[in-house]
Amino acid sequence: MGPVTFDDLVAEHLHPYRPGTRKAKIKQLRSWVRFCQAAGVPPLEATPTLIEDWINSMVATGVAIGTQSVSLSTLRIFYAWCARRGYVEDSPAKWVRVVGRSKRSSLEQLGASEVSVMLEAAEKLSPEAHLVFCFYALNGLRSSEALTARVEHLSERDGRTILLLPDRKFGHSDHIALPGRTVKAWGTVVGDKASGPVFKGKLSFLRMWVLRTCRQLEEVTGIPHITPRILRASFATIALDHGASERDVSVSLGHAGTRSLAPYDRGWRSVHRNVSGVVAGVVEAQK
């Protein structure tokens, strides 16, 4: 058997990951390997300075901050794994600064009235469009969760209609309660089917269909920025603005904790949530 190659290590390291995650991480690590090759340095002999140069090259080419952060995180995890197994003496990525991601997203959001108008327009387009946009706007689902829903995963519990999500992010399963409008839209699409996927077609084709439908809805309603991610953010902000706890919203979104909620909450933009009036009222009451 010949010496262990970098590709061998990558394959061994990523073996436990799910296919989609493995594919994304391989893409990130290949980008790093190409950079090392251009610099004439074997990846297992890389230095912190070389990694910083890699990050700077992404900055120079306009790569998004989020992509920089995720790529560096992948590299840090990989080299830490190599160090634990003795393939490198120490991780060269250990002390490289992780690019910070702003906790305040610049993305727009839809208010409750705009969501209502959007759903009415989606219902007129097709039953399938109505259902999938109910999933986005009224349940805050990711596309991977909404578009892979299965008929047999619907059930009743404690008087509520429940949908099983067997493969949420981080590999855990979850149950979510469907509101009345989503249940009605489900019935229109599914009919008397007892099993099988709710939406027919490959996931990649369904994602393209969703994006085309987003453009149609923007044209029909005059509302800009209709995307699954914007609707998920709108779901979170509307819930928080109307008294839902961060814990409950995080659970509904499928987050592991409340720290992941911040980028979805667009309420920081609202002057109506500024507490200056509260403080002034307390101080004035002391007179």
C-alpha atoms as a PDB file:
ATOM      1  CA  MET A   1       0.000   0.000   0.000  1.00  0.00           C
ATOM      2  CA  GLY A   2       1.361   3.418  -0.965  1.00  0.00           C
ATOM      3  CA  PRO A   3       1.550   6.523   1.206  1.00  0.00           C
ATOM      4  CA  VAL A   4      -1.677   8.166   2.344  1.00  0.00           C
ATOM      5  CA  THR A   5      -2.657  11.013   0.014  1.00  0.00           C
ATOM      6  CA  PHE A   6      -4.516  14.190   0.796  1.00  0.00           C
ATOM      7  CA  ASP A   7      -7.514  12.869  -1.154  1.00  0.00           C
ATOM      8  CA  ASP A   8      -7.474   9.722   0.997  1.00  0.00           C
ATOM      9  CA  LEU A   9      -7.611  11.837   4.138  1.00  0.00           C
ATOM     10  CA  VAL A  10     -10.457  13.958   2.795  1.00  0.00           C
ATOM     11  CA  ALA A  11     -12.448  10.839   1.889  1.00  0.00           C
ATOM     12  CA  GLU A  12     -11.885   9.316   5.336  1.00  0.00           C
ATOM     13  CA  HIS A  13     -12.679  12.560   7.139  1.00  0.00           C
ATOM     14  CA  LEU A  14     -15.913  13.209   5.235  1.00  0.00           C
ATOM     15  CA  HIS A  15     -17.156   9.616   5.226  1.00  0.00           C
ATOM     16  CA  PRO A  16     -19.566  10.102   8.211  1.00  0.00           C
ATOM     17  CA  TYR A  17     -21.211  13.164   6.642  1.00  0.00           C
ATOM     18  CA  ARG A  18     -24.459  13.099   4.690  1.00  0.00           C
ATOM     19  CA  PRO A  19     -24.087  13.198   0.877  1.00  0.00           C
ATOM     20  CA  GLY A  20     -25.186  16.817   0.485  1.00  0.00           C
ATOM     21  CA  THR A  21     -22.883  18.061   3.251  1.00  0.00           C
ATOM     22  CA  ARG A  22     -20.016  15.905   1.955  1.00  0.00           C
ATOM     23  CA  LYS A  23     -20.395  17.363  -1.527  1.00  0.00           C
ATOM     24  CA  ALA A  24     -20.281  20.951  -0.231  1.00  0.00           C
ATOM     25  CA  LYS A  25     -17.218  20.314   1.939  1.00  0.00           C
ATOM     26  CA  ILE A  26     -15.374  18.565  -0.885  1.00  0.00           C
ATOM     27  CA  LYS A  27     -15.933  21.635  -3.044  1.00  0.00           C
ATOM     28  CA  GLN A  28     -14.491  23.888  -0.331  1.00  0.00           C
ATOM     29  CA  LEU A  29     -11.456  21.649   0.250  1.00  0.00           C
ATOM     30  CA  ARG A  30     -10.771  21.377  -3.483  1.00  0.00           C
ATOM     31  CA  SER A  31     -10.629  25.165  -3.639  1.00  0.00           C
ATOM     32  CA  TRP A  32      -7.981  25.045  -0.908  1.00  0.00           C
ATOM     33  CA  VAL A  33      -6.002  22.310  -2.699  1.00  0.00           C
ATOM     34  CA  ARG A  34      -5.938  24.341  -5.921  1.00  0.00           C
ATOM     35  CA  PHE A  35      -4.617  27.332  -3.992  1.00  0.00           C
ATOM     36  CA  CYS A  36      -1.890  25.183  -2.410  1.00  0.00           C
ATOM     37  CA  GLN A  37      -0.904  23.771  -5.792  1.00  0.00           C
ATOM     38  CA  ALA A  38      -0.633  27.271  -7.260  1.00  0.00           C
ATOM     39  CA  ALA A  39       1.609  28.228  -4.330  1.00  0.00           C
ATOM     40  CA  GLY A  40       3.705  25.071  -4.738  1.00  0.00           C
ATOM     41  CA  VAL A  41       2.973  23.887  -1.176  1.00  0.00           C
ATOM     42  CA  PRO A  42       1.599  20.416  -0.306  1.00  0.00           C
ATOM     43  CA  PRO A  43      -1.663  20.826   1.680  1.00  0.00           C
ATOM     44  CA  LEU A  44      -0.282  18.835   4.636  1.00  0.00           C
ATOM     45  CA  GLU A  45       2.657  21.272   4.865  1.00  0.00           C
ATOM     46  CA  ALA A  46       0.522  24.416   4.792  1.00  0.00           C
ATOM     47  CA  THR A  47       1.174  27.264   7.224  1.00  0.00           C
ATOM     48  CA  PRO A  48      -1.205  29.723   8.906  1.00  0.00           C
ATOM     49  CA  THR A  49       0.170  32.442   6.623  1.00  0.00           C
ATOM     50  CA  LEU A  50      -0.795  30.451   3.535  1.00  0.00           C
ATOM     51  CA  ILE A  51      -4.321  29.968   4.868  1.00  0.00           C
ATOM     52  CA  GLU A  52      -4.589  33.705   5.523  1.00  0.00           C
ATOM     53  CA  ASP A  53      -3.442  34.318   1.939  1.00  0.00           C
ATOM     54  CA  TRP A  54      -6.215  31.972   0.764  1.00  0.00           C
ATOM     55  CA  ILE A  55      -8.809  33.943   2.711  1.00  0.00           C
ATOM     56  CA  ASN A  56      -7.423  37.218   1.372  1.00  0.00           C
ATOM     57  CA  SER A  57      -7.678  35.872  -2.170  1.00  0.00           C
ATOM     58  CA  MET A  58     -11.384  35.207  -1.581  1.00  0.00           C
ATOM     59  CA  VAL A  59     -11.825  38.731  -0.255  1.00  0.00           C
ATOM     60  CA  ALA A  60     -10.066  40.148  -3.324  1.00  0.00           C
ATOM     61  CA  THR A  61     -12.342  38.240  -5.717  1.00  0.00           C
ATOM     62  CA  GLY A  62     -15.521  39.350  -3.973  1.00  0.00           C
ATOM     63  CA  VAL A  63     -16.456  36.062  -2.312  1.00  0.00           C
ATOM     64  CA  ALA A  64     -19.251  36.607   0.211  1.00  0.00           C
ATOM     65  CA  ILE A  65     -18.278  36.833   3.882  1.00  0.00           C
ATOM     66  CA  GLY A  66     -20.504  33.879   4.708  1.00  0.00           C
ATOM     67  CA  THR A  67     -18.742  31.719   2.122  1.00  0.00           C
ATOM     68  CA  GLN A  68     -15.340  32.763   3.477  1.00  0.00           C
ATOM     69  CA  SER A  69     -16.403  31.866   7.002  1.00  0.00           C
ATOM     70  CA  VAL A  70     -17.833  28.480   6.044  1.00  0.00           C
ATOM     71  CA  SER A  71     -14.764  27.601   3.939  1.00  0.00           C
ATOM     72  CA  LEU A  72     -12.395  28.460   6.767  1.00  0.00           C
ATOM     73  CA  SER A  73     -14.512  26.523   9.259  1.00  0.00           C
ATOM     74  CA  THR A  74     -14.361  23.454   7.007  1.00  0.00           C
ATOM     75  CA  LEU A  75     -10.579  23.766   6.803  1.00  0.00           C
ATOM     76  CA  ARG A  76     -10.196  24.168  10.571  1.00  0.00           C
ATOM     77  CA  ILE A  77     -12.289  21.074  11.270  1.00  0.00           C
ATOM     78  CA  PHE A  78     -10.350  19.053   8.693  1.00  0.00           C
ATOM     79  CA  TYR A  79      -6.902  19.997  10.011  1.00  0.00           C
ATOM     80  CA  ALA A  80      -8.014  19.444  13.625  1.00  0.00           C
ATOM     81  CA  TRP A  81      -9.097  15.941  12.571  1.00  0.00           C
ATOM     82  CA  CYS A  82      -5.710  15.379  10.873  1.00  0.00           C
ATOM     83  CA  ALA A  83      -3.867  16.544  14.014  1.00  0.00           C
ATOM     84  CA  ARG A  84      -5.832  14.172  16.255  1.00  0.00           C
ATOM     85  CA  ARG A  85      -4.838  11.261  14.007  1.00  0.00           C
ATOM     86  CA  GLY A  86      -1.194  12.269  13.737  1.00  0.00           C
ATOM     87  CA  TYR A  87      -1.175  13.198  10.038  1.00  0.00           C
ATOM     88  CA  VAL A  88       0.041  16.701  10.939  1.00  0.00           C
ATOM     89  CA  GLU A  89       1.851  17.818  14.081  1.00  0.00           C
ATOM     90  CA  ASP A  90      -0.586  20.636  14.740  1.00  0.00           C
ATOM     91  CA  SER A  91      -3.421  22.299  12.871  1.00  0.00           C
ATOM     92  CA  PRO A  92      -2.163  25.268  10.814  1.00  0.00           C
ATOM     93  CA  ALA A  93      -5.690  26.662  10.832  1.00  0.00           C
ATOM     94  CA  LYS A  94      -6.026  26.714  14.625  1.00  0.00           C
ATOM     95  CA  TRP A  95      -5.094  30.352  15.121  1.00  0.00           C
ATOM     96  CA  VAL A  96      -6.295  31.737  11.808  1.00  0.00           C
ATOM     97  CA  ARG A  97      -8.972  34.347  12.370  1.00  0.00           C
ATOM     98  CA  VAL A  98     -12.440  33.188  11.462  1.00  0.00           C
ATOM     99  CA  VAL A  99     -14.162  35.772   9.313  1.00  0.00           C
ATOM    100  CA  GLY A 100     -17.060  37.155  11.302  1.00  0.00           C
ATOM    101  CA  ARG A 101     -20.574  37.138   9.921  1.00  0.00           C
ATOM    102  CA  SER A 102     -22.838  40.019  10.792  1.00  0.00           C
ATOM    103  CA  LYS A 103     -25.706  39.039  13.036  1.00  0.00           C
ATOM    104  CA  ARG A 104     -27.791  41.634  11.248  1.00  0.00           C
ATOM    105  CA  SER A 105     -28.812  40.591   7.780  1.00  0.00           C
ATOM    106  CA  SER A 106     -29.263  43.194   5.073  1.00  0.00           C
ATOM    107  CA  LEU A 107     -31.982  41.115   3.422  1.00  0.00           C
ATOM    108  CA  GLU A 108     -35.480  42.510   3.223  1.00  0.00           C
ATOM    109  CA  GLN A 109     -38.546  40.923   4.779  1.00  0.00           C
ATOM    110  CA  LEU A 110     -42.276  40.776   4.144  1.00  0.00           C
ATOM    111  CA  GLY A 111     -44.797  42.090   6.630  1.00  0.00           C
ATOM    112  CA  ALA A 112     -47.879  40.097   7.592  1.00  0.00           C
ATOM    113  CA  SER A 113     -50.087  41.959   5.100  1.00  0.00           C
ATOM    114  CA  GLU A 114     -47.609  41.294   2.272  1.00  0.00           C
ATOM    115  CA  VAL A 115     -47.437  37.602   3.193  1.00  0.00           C
ATOM    116  CA  SER A 116     -51.228  37.459   3.035  1.00  0.00           C
ATOM    117  CA  VAL A 117     -51.293  39.057  -0.417  1.00  0.00           C
ATOM    118  CA  MET A 118     -48.517  36.736  -1.605  1.00  0.00           C
ATOM    119  CA  LEU A 119     -50.363  33.622  -0.429  1.00  0.00           C
ATOM    120  CA  GLU A 120     -53.579  34.730  -2.149  1.00  0.00           C
ATOM    121  CA  ALA A 121     -51.625  35.154  -5.383  1.00  0.00           C
ATOM    122  CA  ALA A 122     -49.930  31.764  -4.946  1.00  0.00           C
ATOM    123  CA  GLU A 123     -53.320  30.086  -4.464  1.00  0.00           C
ATOM    124  CA  LYS A 124     -54.454  31.486  -7.804  1.00  0.00           C
ATOM    125  CA  LEU A 125     -51.320  30.217  -9.563  1.00  0.00           C
ATOM    126  CA  SER A 126     -51.719  26.537  -8.630  1.00  0.00           C
ATOM    127  CA  PRO A 127     -52.525  24.291  -5.649  1.00  0.00           C
ATOM    128  CA  GLU A 128     -48.877  23.188  -5.506  1.00  0.00           C
ATOM    129  CA  ALA A 129     -47.610  26.774  -5.416  1.00  0.00           C
ATOM    130  CA  HIS A 130     -50.077  27.608  -2.662  1.00  0.00           C
ATOM    131  CA  LEU A 131     -48.957  24.656  -0.522  1.00  0.00           C
ATOM    132  CA  VAL A 132     -45.223  25.166  -0.872  1.00  0.00           C
ATOM    133  CA  PHE A 133     -45.490  28.886  -0.098  1.00  0.00           C
ATOM    134  CA  CYS A 134     -47.650  28.069   2.928  1.00  0.00           C
ATOM    135  CA  PHE A 135     -44.777  25.850   4.049  1.00  0.00           C
ATOM    136  CA  TYR A 136     -42.347  28.742   3.632  1.00  0.00           C
ATOM    137  CA  ALA A 137     -44.415  31.590   5.043  1.00  0.00           C
ATOM    138  CA  LEU A 138     -46.589  29.903   7.676  1.00  0.00           C
ATOM    139  CA  ASN A 139     -44.222  27.173   8.859  1.00  0.00           C
ATOM    140  CA  GLY A 140     -40.787  28.695   8.128  1.00  0.00           C
ATOM    141  CA  LEU A 141     -39.534  25.554   6.386  1.00  0.00           C
ATOM    142  CA  ARG A 142     -36.365  25.305   4.356  1.00  0.00           C
ATOM    143  CA  SER A 143     -36.739  24.306   0.693  1.00  0.00           C
ATOM    144  CA  SER A 144     -35.117  20.941   1.391  1.00  0.00           C
ATOM    145  CA  GLU A 145     -37.811  20.276   4.000  1.00  0.00           C
ATOM    146  CA  ALA A 146     -40.797  21.660   2.114  1.00  0.00           C
ATOM    147  CA  LEU A 147     -40.079  20.074  -1.261  1.00  0.00           C
ATOM    148  CA  THR A 148     -39.370  16.593   0.134  1.00  0.00           C
ATOM    149  CA  ALA A 149     -42.564  16.315   2.211  1.00  0.00           C
ATOM    150  CA  ARG A 150     -44.248  12.913   1.986  1.00  0.00           C
ATOM    151  CA  VAL A 151     -47.937  12.057   2.243  1.00  0.00           C
ATOM    152  CA  GLU A 152     -47.470   9.262   4.793  1.00  0.00           C
ATOM    153  CA  HIS A 153     -45.694  11.627   7.182  1.00  0.00           C
ATOM    154  CA  LEU A 154     -48.910  13.500   7.985  1.00  0.00           C
ATOM    155  CA  SER A 155     -50.760  12.520  11.176  1.00  0.00           C
ATOM    156  CA  GLU A 156     -53.060  13.820  13.901  1.00  0.00           C
ATOM    157  CA  ARG A 157     -51.971  14.452  17.482  1.00  0.00           C
ATOM    158  CA  ASP A 158     -53.836  16.175  20.305  1.00  0.00           C
ATOM    159  CA  GLY A 159     -56.280  17.672  17.826  1.00  0.00           C
ATOM    160  CA  ARG A 160     -53.492  19.130  15.680  1.00  0.00           C
ATOM    161  CA  THR A 161     -52.358  18.136  12.197  1.00  0.00           C
ATOM    162  CA  ILE A 162     -48.705  17.111  12.448  1.00  0.00           C
ATOM    163  CA  LEU A 163     -46.081  16.686   9.740  1.00  0.00           C
ATOM    164  CA  LEU A 164     -42.971  14.597  10.304  1.00  0.00           C
ATOM    165  CA  LEU A 165     -39.717  16.060   9.001  1.00  0.00           C
ATOM    166  CA  PRO A 166     -37.404  13.030   9.121  1.00  0.00           C
ATOM    167  CA  ASP A 167     -34.227  14.735   7.955  1.00  0.00           C
ATOM    168  CA  ARG A 168     -33.937  18.285   9.217  1.00  0.00           C
ATOM    169  CA  LYS A 169     -30.618  20.095   9.335  1.00  0.00           C
ATOM    170  CA  PHE A 170     -27.989  18.449  11.572  1.00  0.00           C
ATOM    171  CA  GLY A 171     -29.580  15.072  10.810  1.00  0.00           C
ATOM    172  CA  HIS A 172     -32.373  15.062  13.385  1.00  0.00           C
ATOM    173  CA  SER A 173     -36.066  14.389  12.838  1.00  0.00           C
ATOM    174  CA  ASP A 174     -38.825  16.719  13.971  1.00  0.00           C
ATOM    175  CA  HIS A 175     -42.596  17.118  14.054  1.00  0.00           C
ATOM    176  CA  ILE A 176     -44.298  20.412  13.204  1.00  0.00           C
ATOM    177  CA  ALA A 177     -47.908  21.503  13.578  1.00  0.00           C
ATOM    178  CA  LEU A 178     -49.565  22.704  10.378  1.00  0.00           C
ATOM    179  CA  PRO A 179     -51.935  25.697  10.556  1.00  0.00           C
ATOM    180  CA  GLY A 180     -55.403  25.451   9.015  1.00  0.00           C
ATOM    181  CA  ARG A 181     -54.490  27.137   5.724  1.00  0.00           C
ATOM    182  CA  THR A 182     -51.570  24.770   5.161  1.00  0.00           C
ATOM    183  CA  VAL A 183     -53.756  21.754   5.979  1.00  0.00           C
ATOM    184  CA  LYS A 184     -56.376  22.893   3.473  1.00  0.00           C
ATOM    185  CA  ALA A 185     -53.731  23.451   0.788  1.00  0.00           C
ATOM    186  CA  TRP A 186     -52.278  20.008   1.567  1.00  0.00           C
ATOM    187  CA  GLY A 187     -55.664  18.368   1.057  1.00  0.00           C
ATOM    188  CA  THR A 188     -56.130  20.094  -2.296  1.00  0.00           C
ATOM    189  CA  VAL A 189     -52.760  18.852  -3.572  1.00  0.00           C
ATOM    190  CA  VAL A 190     -52.708  15.375  -2.045  1.00  0.00           C
ATOM    191  CA  GLY A 191     -56.363  14.386  -2.395  1.00  0.00           C
ATOM    192  CA  ASP A 192     -56.851  10.730  -1.464  1.00  0.00           C
ATOM    193  CA  LYS A 193     -53.213   9.660  -1.930  1.00  0.00           C
ATOM    194  CA  ALA A 194     -52.010   7.452   0.910  1.00  0.00           C
ATOM    195  CA  SER A 195     -48.265   7.633   0.343  1.00  0.00           C
ATOM    196  CA  GLY A 196     -45.502   9.057  -1.801  1.00  0.00           C
ATOM    197  CA  PRO A 197     -43.949  12.501  -2.295  1.00  0.00           C
ATOM    198  CA  VAL A 198     -46.238  15.512  -2.154  1.00  0.00           C
ATOM    199  CA  PHE A 199     -44.311  17.273  -4.919  1.00  0.00           C
ATOM    200  CA  LYS A 200     -43.274  15.179  -7.905  1.00  0.00           C
ATOM    201  CA  GLY A 201     -39.877  15.586  -9.530  1.00  0.00           C
ATOM    202  CA  LYS A 202     -36.193  15.774  -8.695  1.00  0.00           C
ATOM    203  CA  LEU A 203     -35.299  18.202  -5.918  1.00  0.00           C
ATOM    204  CA  SER A 204     -33.118  20.273  -8.286  1.00  0.00           C
ATOM    205  CA  PHE A 205     -36.022  20.716 -10.725  1.00  0.00           C
ATOM    206  CA  LEU A 206     -38.411  21.565  -7.903  1.00  0.00           C
ATOM    207  CA  ARG A 207     -36.032  24.259  -6.653  1.00  0.00           C
ATOM    208  CA  MET A 208     -35.985  25.792 -10.148  1.00  0.00           C
ATOM    209  CA  TRP A 209     -39.795  25.678 -10.223  1.00  0.00           C
ATOM    210  CA  VAL A 210     -39.915  27.510  -6.870  1.00  0.00           C
ATOM    211  CA  LEU A 211     -37.589  30.251  -8.144  1.00  0.00           C
ATOM    212  CA  ARG A 212     -39.706  30.714 -11.277  1.00  0.00           C
ATOM    213  CA  THR A 213     -42.812  30.889  -9.099  1.00  0.00           C
ATOM    214  CA  CYS A 214     -41.133  33.520  -6.912  1.00  0.00           C
ATOM    215  CA  ARG A 215     -40.594  35.689  -9.992  1.00  0.00           C
ATOM    216  CA  GLN A 216     -44.230  35.197 -11.035  1.00  0.00           C
ATOM    217  CA  LEU A 217     -45.459  36.211  -7.595  1.00  0.00           C
ATOM    218  CA  GLU A 218     -43.273  39.321  -7.633  1.00  0.00           C
ATOM    219  CA  GLU A 219     -44.763  40.338 -10.971  1.00  0.00           C
ATOM    220  CA  VAL A 220     -48.360  39.635  -9.927  1.00  0.00           C
ATOM    221  CA  THR A 221     -48.207  41.248  -6.473  1.00  0.00           C
ATOM    222  CA  GLY A 222     -45.625  43.978  -7.032  1.00  0.00           C
ATOM    223  CA  ILE A 223     -43.852  42.757  -3.896  1.00  0.00           C
ATOM    224  CA  PRO A 224     -40.055  42.491  -4.350  1.00  0.00           C
ATOM    225  CA  HIS A 225     -37.694  40.048  -2.680  1.00  0.00           C
ATOM    226  CA  ILE A 226     -39.935  36.972  -2.604  1.00  0.00           C
ATOM    227  CA  THR A 227     -37.646  34.006  -1.952  1.00  0.00           C
ATOM    228  CA  PRO A 228     -37.862  30.987   0.366  1.00  0.00           C
ATOM    229  CA  ARG A 229     -35.183  32.477   2.632  1.00  0.00           C
ATOM    230  CA  ILE A 230     -36.951  35.841   2.840  1.00  0.00           C
ATOM    231  CA  LEU A 231     -40.213  34.088   3.710  1.00  0.00           C
ATOM    232  CA  ARG A 232     -38.436  32.074   6.400  1.00  0.00           C
ATOM    233  CA  ALA A 233     -37.035  35.300   7.839  1.00  0.00           C
ATOM    234  CA  SER A 234     -40.472  36.911   7.639  1.00  0.00           C
ATOM    235  CA  PHE A 235     -41.945  33.946   9.507  1.00  0.00           C
ATOM    236  CA  ALA A 236     -39.426  34.431  12.330  1.00  0.00           C
ATOM    237  CA  THR A 237     -39.858  38.198  12.595  1.00  0.00           C
ATOM    238  CA  ILE A 238     -43.667  38.113  12.498  1.00  0.00           C
ATOM    239  CA  ALA A 239     -43.679  35.456  15.216  1.00  0.00           C
ATOM    240  CA  LEU A 240     -41.284  37.439  17.446  1.00  0.00           C
ATOM    241  CA  ASP A 241     -43.165  40.698  16.885  1.00  0.00           C
ATOM    242  CA  HIS A 242     -46.375  39.046  18.057  1.00  0.00           C
ATOM    243  CA  GLY A 243     -45.030  37.681  21.305  1.00  0.00           C
ATOM    244  CA  ALA A 244     -43.585  34.269  20.443  1.00  0.00           C
ATOM    245  CA  SER A 245     -40.540  33.401  22.542  1.00  0.00           C
ATOM    246  CA  GLU A 246     -37.109  33.014  20.937  1.00  0.00           C
ATOM    247  CA  ARG A 247     -37.081  29.404  22.135  1.00  0.00           C
ATOM    248  CA  ASP A 248     -40.369  28.566  20.403  1.00  0.00           C
ATOM    249  CA  VAL A 249     -39.362  30.306  17.174  1.00  0.00           C
ATOM    250  CA  SER A 250     -35.986  28.546  17.154  1.00  0.00           C
ATOM    251  CA  VAL A 251     -37.674  25.172  17.655  1.00  0.00           C
ATOM    252  CA  SER A 252     -40.113  25.933  14.830  1.00  0.00           C
ATOM    253  CA  LEU A 253     -37.247  26.835  12.499  1.00  0.00           C
ATOM    254  CA  GLY A 254     -35.370  23.655  13.383  1.00  0.00           C
ATOM    255  CA  HIS A 255     -32.433  25.436  15.017  1.00  0.00           C
ATOM    256  CA  ALA A 256     -30.275  23.785  17.649  1.00  0.00           C
ATOM    257  CA  GLY A 257     -30.466  26.912  19.837  1.00  0.00           C
ATOM    258  CA  THR A 258     -31.552  30.547  19.934  1.00  0.00           C
ATOM    259  CA  ARG A 259     -28.165  31.923  18.801  1.00  0.00           C
ATOM    260  CA  SER A 260     -28.969  30.921  15.205  1.00  0.00           C
ATOM    261  CA  LEU A 261     -32.140  33.019  15.266  1.00  0.00           C
ATOM    262  CA  ALA A 262     -30.548  36.471  15.112  1.00  0.00           C
ATOM    263  CA  PRO A 263     -29.909  36.627  11.330  1.00  0.00           C
ATOM    264  CA  TYR A 264     -33.555  35.740  10.662  1.00  0.00           C
ATOM    265  CA  ASP A 265     -35.017  38.463  12.876  1.00  0.00           C
ATOM    266  CA  ARG A 266     -35.364  41.697  10.884  1.00  0.00           C
ATOM    267  CA  GLY A 267     -37.098  43.485  13.766  1.00  0.00           C
ATOM    268  CA  TRP A 268     -33.938  45.444  14.616  1.00  0.00           C
ATOM    269  CA  ARG A 269     -34.843  47.771  11.748  1.00  0.00           C
ATOM    270  CA  SER A 270     -38.113  48.858  13.324  1.00  0.00           C
ATOM    271  CA  VAL A 271     -38.039  52.158  15.208  1.00  0.00           C
ATOM    272  CA  HIS A 272     -41.205  51.019  16.978  1.00  0.00           C
ATOM    273  CA  ARG A 273     -39.187  48.442  18.921  1.00  0.00           C
ATOM    274  CA  ASN A 274     -36.737  51.007  20.268  1.00  0.00           C
ATOM    275  CA  VAL A 275     -37.016  51.118  24.058  1.00  0.00           C
ATOM    276  CA  SER A 276     -36.124  54.802  24.444  1.00  0.00           C
ATOM    277  CA  GLY A 277     -39.767  55.625  25.119  1.00  0.00           C
ATOM    278  CA  VAL A 278     -39.940  53.013  27.852  1.00  0.00           C
ATOM    279  CA  VAL A 279     -36.871  54.390  29.627  1.00  0.00           C
ATOM    280  CA  ALA A 280     -38.060  58.001  29.264  1.00  0.00           C
ATOM    281  CA  GLY A 281     -41.454  57.039  30.673  1.00  0.00           C
ATOM    282  CA  VAL A 282     -39.888  55.426  33.736  1.00  0.00           C
ATOM    283  CA  VAL A 283     -37.614  58.421  34.362  1.00  0.00           C
ATOM    284  CA  GLU A 284     -40.424  60.965  33.892  1.00  0.00           C
ATOM    285  CA  ALA A 285     -42.607  58.984  36.308  1.00  0.00           C
ATOM    286  CA  GLN A 286     -40.063  59.677  39.078  1.00  0.00           C
ATOM    287  CA  LYS A 287     -40.885  63.398  39.145  1.00  0.00           C
END
